[in-house]
Amino acid sequence: MTVRRVVPDAHTHALAENRDFYGLLGLEEVMNLGWVMALASPSNPTAQLLFIREETAPVVPDLSIEVDDVDAVHAAVLASGAEIVHPLTDEPWGVRRFFTRDPEGRVVNVVSHREG
């Protein structure tokens, strides 16, 4: 399994304000679906922040980890007995993901982008 990126997720009610503030620090908007926005460094695109206004799952995650094979990670997490907070799901915006809870209670969004 390969980890492609790790992104902190922040719950917000102020997408535009956060975009403007973090723009002062050199981050640029690279994705905005109206309820979720990603900011990234233009020189290091895997350096990102994710702002979530609302969520399509029961909770807003604390962080997202993009992996190359979400199904393999899901199987390993299930086998470990860790809590699954949101089931493995193909989302309409092109990702396959699930949420799990780490030992400290943080919700982790484990995600892969689907082909096509």
N, C-alpha and C. Protein backbone atom coordinates (compact mmCIF):
# COMPACT_ATOMS: atom_id res chain seq x y z
N MET A 1 0.84 -1.18 0.00
CA MET A 1 0.00 0.00 0.00
C MET A 1 0.89 1.24 0.00
N THR A 2 0.48 2.22 -0.77
CA THR A 2 1.20 3.48 -0.85
C THR A 2 0.32 4.61 -0.36
N VAL A 3 0.85 5.42 0.54
CA VAL A 3 0.17 6.64 0.97
C VAL A 3 0.56 7.74 0.01
N ARG A 4 -0.43 8.37 -0.59
CA ARG A 4 -0.17 9.43 -1.57
C ARG A 4 -0.11 10.81 -0.92
N ARG A 5 -0.92 11.03 0.12
CA ARG A 5 -0.90 12.30 0.82
C ARG A 5 -1.68 12.17 2.13
N VAL A 6 -1.37 13.04 3.07
CA VAL A 6 -2.10 13.15 4.33
C VAL A 6 -2.52 14.61 4.45
N VAL A 7 -3.81 14.83 4.68
CA VAL A 7 -4.36 16.19 4.66
C VAL A 7 -5.17 16.43 5.93
N PRO A 8 -4.84 17.49 6.69
CA PRO A 8 -5.70 17.84 7.82
C PRO A 8 -7.02 18.40 7.30
N ASP A 9 -8.12 18.01 7.95
CA ASP A 9 -9.46 18.46 7.60
C ASP A 9 -9.94 19.40 8.70
N ALA A 10 -10.49 20.53 8.29
CA ALA A 10 -11.00 21.50 9.26
C ALA A 10 -12.46 21.79 8.96
N HIS A 11 -13.30 21.68 9.98
CA HIS A 11 -14.70 22.06 9.85
C HIS A 11 -14.78 23.57 9.82
N THR A 12 -15.58 24.13 8.93
CA THR A 12 -15.65 25.58 8.79
C THR A 12 -17.03 26.04 8.37
N HIS A 13 -17.33 27.27 8.66
CA HIS A 13 -18.52 27.95 8.13
C HIS A 13 -18.08 29.12 7.26
N ALA A 14 -16.79 29.18 6.93
CA ALA A 14 -16.23 30.34 6.24
C ALA A 14 -15.23 29.90 5.17
N LEU A 15 -15.72 29.29 4.11
CA LEU A 15 -14.82 28.81 3.06
C LEU A 15 -14.02 29.96 2.44
N ALA A 16 -14.70 31.00 2.00
CA ALA A 16 -14.02 32.11 1.31
C ALA A 16 -13.02 32.81 2.23
N GLU A 17 -13.39 33.00 3.47
CA GLU A 17 -12.51 33.68 4.40
C GLU A 17 -11.24 32.86 4.64
N ASN A 18 -11.39 31.53 4.75
CA ASN A 18 -10.21 30.68 4.92
C ASN A 18 -9.36 30.66 3.67
N ARG A 19 -9.99 30.63 2.50
CA ARG A 19 -9.22 30.69 1.25
C ARG A 19 -8.39 31.96 1.20
N ASP A 20 -9.00 33.08 1.57
CA ASP A 20 -8.28 34.35 1.53
C ASP A 20 -7.15 34.39 2.56
N PHE A 21 -7.41 33.93 3.78
CA PHE A 21 -6.39 33.95 4.82
C PHE A 21 -5.21 33.06 4.44
N TYR A 22 -5.48 31.81 4.09
CA TYR A 22 -4.39 30.89 3.78
C TYR A 22 -3.72 31.23 2.46
N GLY A 23 -4.39 32.01 1.62
CA GLY A 23 -3.75 32.55 0.43
C GLY A 23 -2.60 33.47 0.80
N LEU A 24 -2.74 34.18 1.92
CA LEU A 24 -1.64 35.03 2.39
C LEU A 24 -0.40 34.21 2.72
N LEU A 25 -0.59 32.94 3.04
CA LEU A 25 0.51 32.04 3.38
C LEU A 25 1.01 31.25 2.17
N GLY A 26 0.44 31.53 1.00
CA GLY A 26 0.91 30.91 -0.22
C GLY A 26 0.11 29.73 -0.73
N LEU A 27 -1.00 29.40 -0.07
CA LEU A 27 -1.82 28.30 -0.54
C LEU A 27 -2.86 28.80 -1.54
N GLU A 28 -3.17 27.97 -2.53
CA GLU A 28 -4.14 28.33 -3.56
C GLU A 28 -5.27 27.31 -3.58
N GLU A 29 -6.47 27.78 -3.92
CA GLU A 29 -7.61 26.88 -4.05
C GLU A 29 -7.39 25.95 -5.24
N VAL A 30 -7.48 24.65 -4.99
CA VAL A 30 -7.31 23.67 -6.07
C VAL A 30 -8.58 22.85 -6.31
N MET A 31 -9.54 22.94 -5.40
CA MET A 31 -10.81 22.23 -5.54
C MET A 31 -11.83 22.91 -4.66
N ASN A 32 -13.05 23.08 -5.17
CA ASN A 32 -14.12 23.66 -4.38
C ASN A 32 -15.44 23.09 -4.90
N LEU A 33 -16.09 22.28 -4.07
CA LEU A 33 -17.38 21.70 -4.42
C LEU A 33 -18.53 22.44 -3.74
N GLY A 34 -18.24 23.57 -3.15
CA GLY A 34 -19.28 24.34 -2.46
C GLY A 34 -19.45 23.97 -1.00
N TRP A 35 -19.15 22.75 -0.65
CA TRP A 35 -19.23 22.30 0.75
C TRP A 35 -17.87 21.83 1.25
N VAL A 36 -16.95 21.60 0.33
CA VAL A 36 -15.59 21.20 0.68
C VAL A 36 -14.63 21.92 -0.25
N MET A 37 -13.53 22.41 0.31
CA MET A 37 -12.55 23.16 -0.47
C MET A 37 -11.15 22.68 -0.09
N ALA A 38 -10.32 22.48 -1.10
CA ALA A 38 -8.92 22.11 -0.87
C ALA A 38 -8.03 23.27 -1.27
N LEU A 39 -7.06 23.56 -0.41
CA LEU A 39 -6.03 24.54 -0.71
C LEU A 39 -4.71 23.79 -0.76
N ALA A 40 -3.83 24.20 -1.69
CA ALA A 40 -2.55 23.51 -1.84
C ALA A 40 -1.45 24.49 -2.16
N SER A 41 -0.25 24.06 -1.88
CA SER A 41 0.94 24.82 -2.25
C SER A 41 1.20 24.63 -3.74
N PRO A 42 1.38 25.72 -4.50
CA PRO A 42 1.66 25.55 -5.93
C PRO A 42 3.01 24.87 -6.19
N SER A 43 3.95 24.98 -5.28
CA SER A 43 5.26 24.35 -5.48
C SER A 43 5.33 22.93 -4.94
N ASN A 44 4.37 22.55 -4.08
CA ASN A 44 4.32 21.21 -3.50
C ASN A 44 2.85 20.81 -3.38
N PRO A 45 2.24 20.32 -4.47
CA PRO A 45 0.79 20.09 -4.49
C PRO A 45 0.26 19.10 -3.46
N THR A 46 1.11 18.29 -2.85
CA THR A 46 0.61 17.38 -1.82
C THR A 46 0.54 18.06 -0.45
N ALA A 47 1.07 19.28 -0.32
CA ALA A 47 0.92 20.06 0.91
C ALA A 47 -0.43 20.76 0.83
N GLN A 48 -1.41 20.22 1.55
CA GLN A 48 -2.79 20.69 1.40
C GLN A 48 -3.48 20.87 2.74
N LEU A 49 -4.52 21.68 2.71
CA LEU A 49 -5.50 21.79 3.79
C LEU A 49 -6.87 21.57 3.16
N LEU A 50 -7.76 20.92 3.89
CA LEU A 50 -9.11 20.68 3.43
C LEU A 50 -10.06 21.36 4.41
N PHE A 51 -10.98 22.16 3.88
CA PHE A 51 -12.00 22.83 4.69
C PHE A 51 -13.35 22.26 4.32
N ILE A 52 -14.11 21.84 5.32
CA ILE A 52 -15.39 21.19 5.09
C ILE A 52 -16.49 21.99 5.78
N ARG A 53 -17.45 22.47 5.00
CA ARG A 53 -18.57 23.23 5.54
C ARG A 53 -19.66 22.31 6.04
N GLU A 54 -19.92 21.28 5.32
CA GLU A 54 -20.88 20.26 5.73
C GLU A 54 -20.35 18.95 5.21
N GLU A 55 -20.91 17.88 5.64
CA GLU A 55 -20.35 16.59 5.24
C GLU A 55 -21.46 15.69 4.71
N THR A 56 -21.08 14.75 3.92
CA THR A 56 -22.00 13.77 3.35
C THR A 56 -21.93 12.46 4.11
N ALA A 57 -21.38 12.51 5.29
CA ALA A 57 -21.25 11.34 6.15
C ALA A 57 -21.66 11.77 7.56
N PRO A 58 -21.73 10.84 8.50
CA PRO A 58 -22.23 11.17 9.83
C PRO A 58 -21.38 12.17 10.62
N VAL A 59 -20.10 12.30 10.28
CA VAL A 59 -19.21 13.22 11.00
C VAL A 59 -18.24 13.86 10.02
N VAL A 60 -17.67 14.99 10.42
CA VAL A 60 -16.58 15.61 9.66
C VAL A 60 -15.28 14.96 10.14
N PRO A 61 -14.48 14.43 9.23
CA PRO A 61 -13.23 13.78 9.65
C PRO A 61 -12.22 14.80 10.14
N ASP A 62 -11.26 14.31 10.91
CA ASP A 62 -10.17 15.15 11.40
C ASP A 62 -9.02 15.22 10.41
N LEU A 63 -8.86 14.15 9.63
CA LEU A 63 -7.82 14.14 8.61
C LEU A 63 -8.19 13.15 7.53
N SER A 64 -7.59 13.35 6.36
CA SER A 64 -7.79 12.45 5.23
C SER A 64 -6.44 11.87 4.84
N ILE A 65 -6.45 10.58 4.54
CA ILE A 65 -5.25 9.90 4.05
C ILE A 65 -5.62 9.27 2.72
N GLU A 66 -4.97 9.74 1.66
CA GLU A 66 -5.18 9.16 0.33
C GLU A 66 -4.22 8.01 0.14
N VAL A 67 -4.77 6.85 -0.23
CA VAL A 67 -3.97 5.65 -0.46
C VAL A 67 -4.21 5.15 -1.87
N ASP A 68 -3.33 4.27 -2.34
CA ASP A 68 -3.49 3.75 -3.70
C ASP A 68 -4.52 2.62 -3.77
N ASP A 69 -4.82 1.95 -2.64
CA ASP A 69 -5.74 0.82 -2.65
C ASP A 69 -6.62 0.86 -1.39
N VAL A 70 -7.70 1.61 -1.47
CA VAL A 70 -8.57 1.79 -0.30
C VAL A 70 -9.22 0.47 0.12
N ASP A 71 -9.45 -0.43 -0.83
CA ASP A 71 -10.06 -1.71 -0.47
C ASP A 71 -9.13 -2.55 0.41
N ALA A 72 -7.84 -2.55 0.09
CA ALA A 72 -6.87 -3.29 0.90
C ALA A 72 -6.76 -2.69 2.30
N VAL A 73 -6.75 -1.37 2.39
CA VAL A 73 -6.67 -0.70 3.70
C VAL A 73 -7.94 -0.99 4.50
N HIS A 74 -9.08 -0.93 3.85
CA HIS A 74 -10.35 -1.22 4.52
C HIS A 74 -10.33 -2.63 5.10
N ALA A 75 -9.85 -3.60 4.32
CA ALA A 75 -9.77 -4.99 4.81
C ALA A 75 -8.84 -5.09 6.02
N ALA A 76 -7.71 -4.40 5.98
CA ALA A 76 -6.77 -4.43 7.10
C ALA A 76 -7.37 -3.79 8.35
N VAL A 77 -8.07 -2.68 8.17
CA VAL A 77 -8.70 -2.00 9.32
C VAL A 77 -9.80 -2.88 9.90
N LEU A 78 -10.62 -3.48 9.05
CA LEU A 78 -11.66 -4.40 9.55
C LEU A 78 -11.04 -5.55 10.33
N ALA A 79 -9.98 -6.14 9.78
CA ALA A 79 -9.33 -7.28 10.44
C ALA A 79 -8.73 -6.89 11.79
N SER A 80 -8.34 -5.62 11.93
CA SER A 80 -7.75 -5.17 13.19
C SER A 80 -8.79 -4.98 14.28
N GLY A 81 -10.05 -4.85 13.89
CA GLY A 81 -11.11 -4.59 14.86
C GLY A 81 -11.35 -3.12 15.12
N ALA A 82 -10.65 -2.23 14.42
CA ALA A 82 -10.86 -0.79 14.60
C ALA A 82 -12.28 -0.42 14.15
N GLU A 83 -12.81 0.63 14.75
CA GLU A 83 -14.16 1.07 14.46
C GLU A 83 -14.25 1.68 13.06
N ILE A 84 -15.26 1.27 12.31
CA ILE A 84 -15.59 1.90 11.04
C ILE A 84 -16.71 2.88 11.32
N VAL A 85 -16.47 4.17 11.04
CA VAL A 85 -17.43 5.23 11.33
C VAL A 85 -18.36 5.46 10.15
N HIS A 86 -17.84 5.28 8.94
CA HIS A 86 -18.61 5.47 7.69
C HIS A 86 -18.17 4.34 6.76
N PRO A 87 -19.12 3.59 6.19
CA PRO A 87 -18.75 2.41 5.40
C PRO A 87 -18.01 2.75 4.11
N LEU A 88 -17.35 1.76 3.57
CA LEU A 88 -16.69 1.90 2.28
C LEU A 88 -17.74 2.28 1.24
N THR A 89 -17.53 3.42 0.59
CA THR A 89 -18.54 4.01 -0.28
C THR A 89 -17.90 4.60 -1.52
N ASP A 90 -18.53 4.39 -2.67
CA ASP A 90 -18.17 5.10 -3.90
C ASP A 90 -18.97 6.39 -3.93
N GLU A 91 -18.28 7.52 -3.81
CA GLU A 91 -18.95 8.82 -3.75
C GLU A 91 -19.13 9.39 -5.15
N PRO A 92 -20.19 10.18 -5.36
CA PRO A 92 -20.46 10.72 -6.70
C PRO A 92 -19.39 11.68 -7.21
N TRP A 93 -18.53 12.20 -6.36
CA TRP A 93 -17.48 13.13 -6.81
C TRP A 93 -16.18 12.43 -7.17
N GLY A 94 -16.22 11.09 -7.31
CA GLY A 94 -15.09 10.37 -7.89
C GLY A 94 -14.11 9.73 -6.93
N VAL A 95 -14.50 9.57 -5.67
CA VAL A 95 -13.61 8.89 -4.73
C VAL A 95 -14.31 7.67 -4.14
N ARG A 96 -13.50 6.75 -3.65
CA ARG A 96 -13.96 5.60 -2.86
C ARG A 96 -13.33 5.79 -1.50
N ARG A 97 -14.14 5.73 -0.44
CA ARG A 97 -13.61 6.06 0.88
C ARG A 97 -14.37 5.36 1.98
N PHE A 98 -13.75 5.38 3.15
CA PHE A 98 -14.40 4.99 4.40
C PHE A 98 -13.79 5.82 5.51
N PHE A 99 -14.49 5.90 6.64
CA PHE A 99 -13.97 6.59 7.82
C PHE A 99 -13.73 5.54 8.90
N THR A 100 -12.62 5.71 9.61
CA THR A 100 -12.33 4.88 10.76
C THR A 100 -11.94 5.81 11.92
N ARG A 101 -11.88 5.24 13.10
CA ARG A 101 -11.51 6.02 14.29
C ARG A 101 -10.17 5.51 14.80
N ASP A 102 -9.22 6.43 15.03
CA ASP A 102 -7.91 6.03 15.53
C ASP A 102 -7.97 5.81 17.04
N PRO A 103 -6.89 5.33 17.67
CA PRO A 103 -6.92 5.04 19.11
C PRO A 103 -7.22 6.25 19.99
N GLU A 104 -6.99 7.47 19.50
CA GLU A 104 -7.27 8.68 20.27
C GLU A 104 -8.67 9.23 20.00
N GLY A 105 -9.42 8.58 19.10
CA GLY A 105 -10.78 9.00 18.80
C GLY A 105 -10.91 9.91 17.58
N ARG A 106 -9.79 10.23 16.93
CA ARG A 106 -9.85 11.05 15.72
C ARG A 106 -10.48 10.25 14.59
N VAL A 107 -11.31 10.92 13.78
CA VAL A 107 -11.94 10.28 12.63
C VAL A 107 -11.03 10.49 11.42
N VAL A 108 -10.69 9.38 10.77
CA VAL A 108 -9.78 9.39 9.63
C VAL A 108 -10.55 8.98 8.38
N ASN A 109 -10.54 9.85 7.38
CA ASN A 109 -11.13 9.58 6.07
C ASN A 109 -10.05 8.91 5.23
N VAL A 110 -10.24 7.63 4.90
CA VAL A 110 -9.28 6.91 4.07
C VAL A 110 -9.87 6.85 2.67
N VAL A 111 -9.12 7.35 1.68
CA VAL A 111 -9.71 7.63 0.38
C VAL A 111 -8.78 7.25 -0.77
N SER A 112 -9.37 6.83 -1.87
CA SER A 112 -8.67 6.65 -3.15
C SER A 112 -9.51 7.32 -4.22
N HIS A 113 -8.86 7.92 -5.20
CA HIS A 113 -9.59 8.45 -6.34
C HIS A 113 -9.88 7.29 -7.29
N ARG A 114 -11.12 7.26 -7.78
CA ARG A 114 -11.50 6.21 -8.74
C ARG A 114 -11.01 6.59 -10.12
N GLU A 115 -10.70 5.59 -10.90
CA GLU A 115 -10.28 5.81 -12.29
C GLU A 115 -11.47 6.25 -13.12
N GLY A 116 -11.21 7.11 -14.10
CA GLY A 116 -12.24 7.49 -15.05
C GLY A 116 -13.12 8.56 -14.65
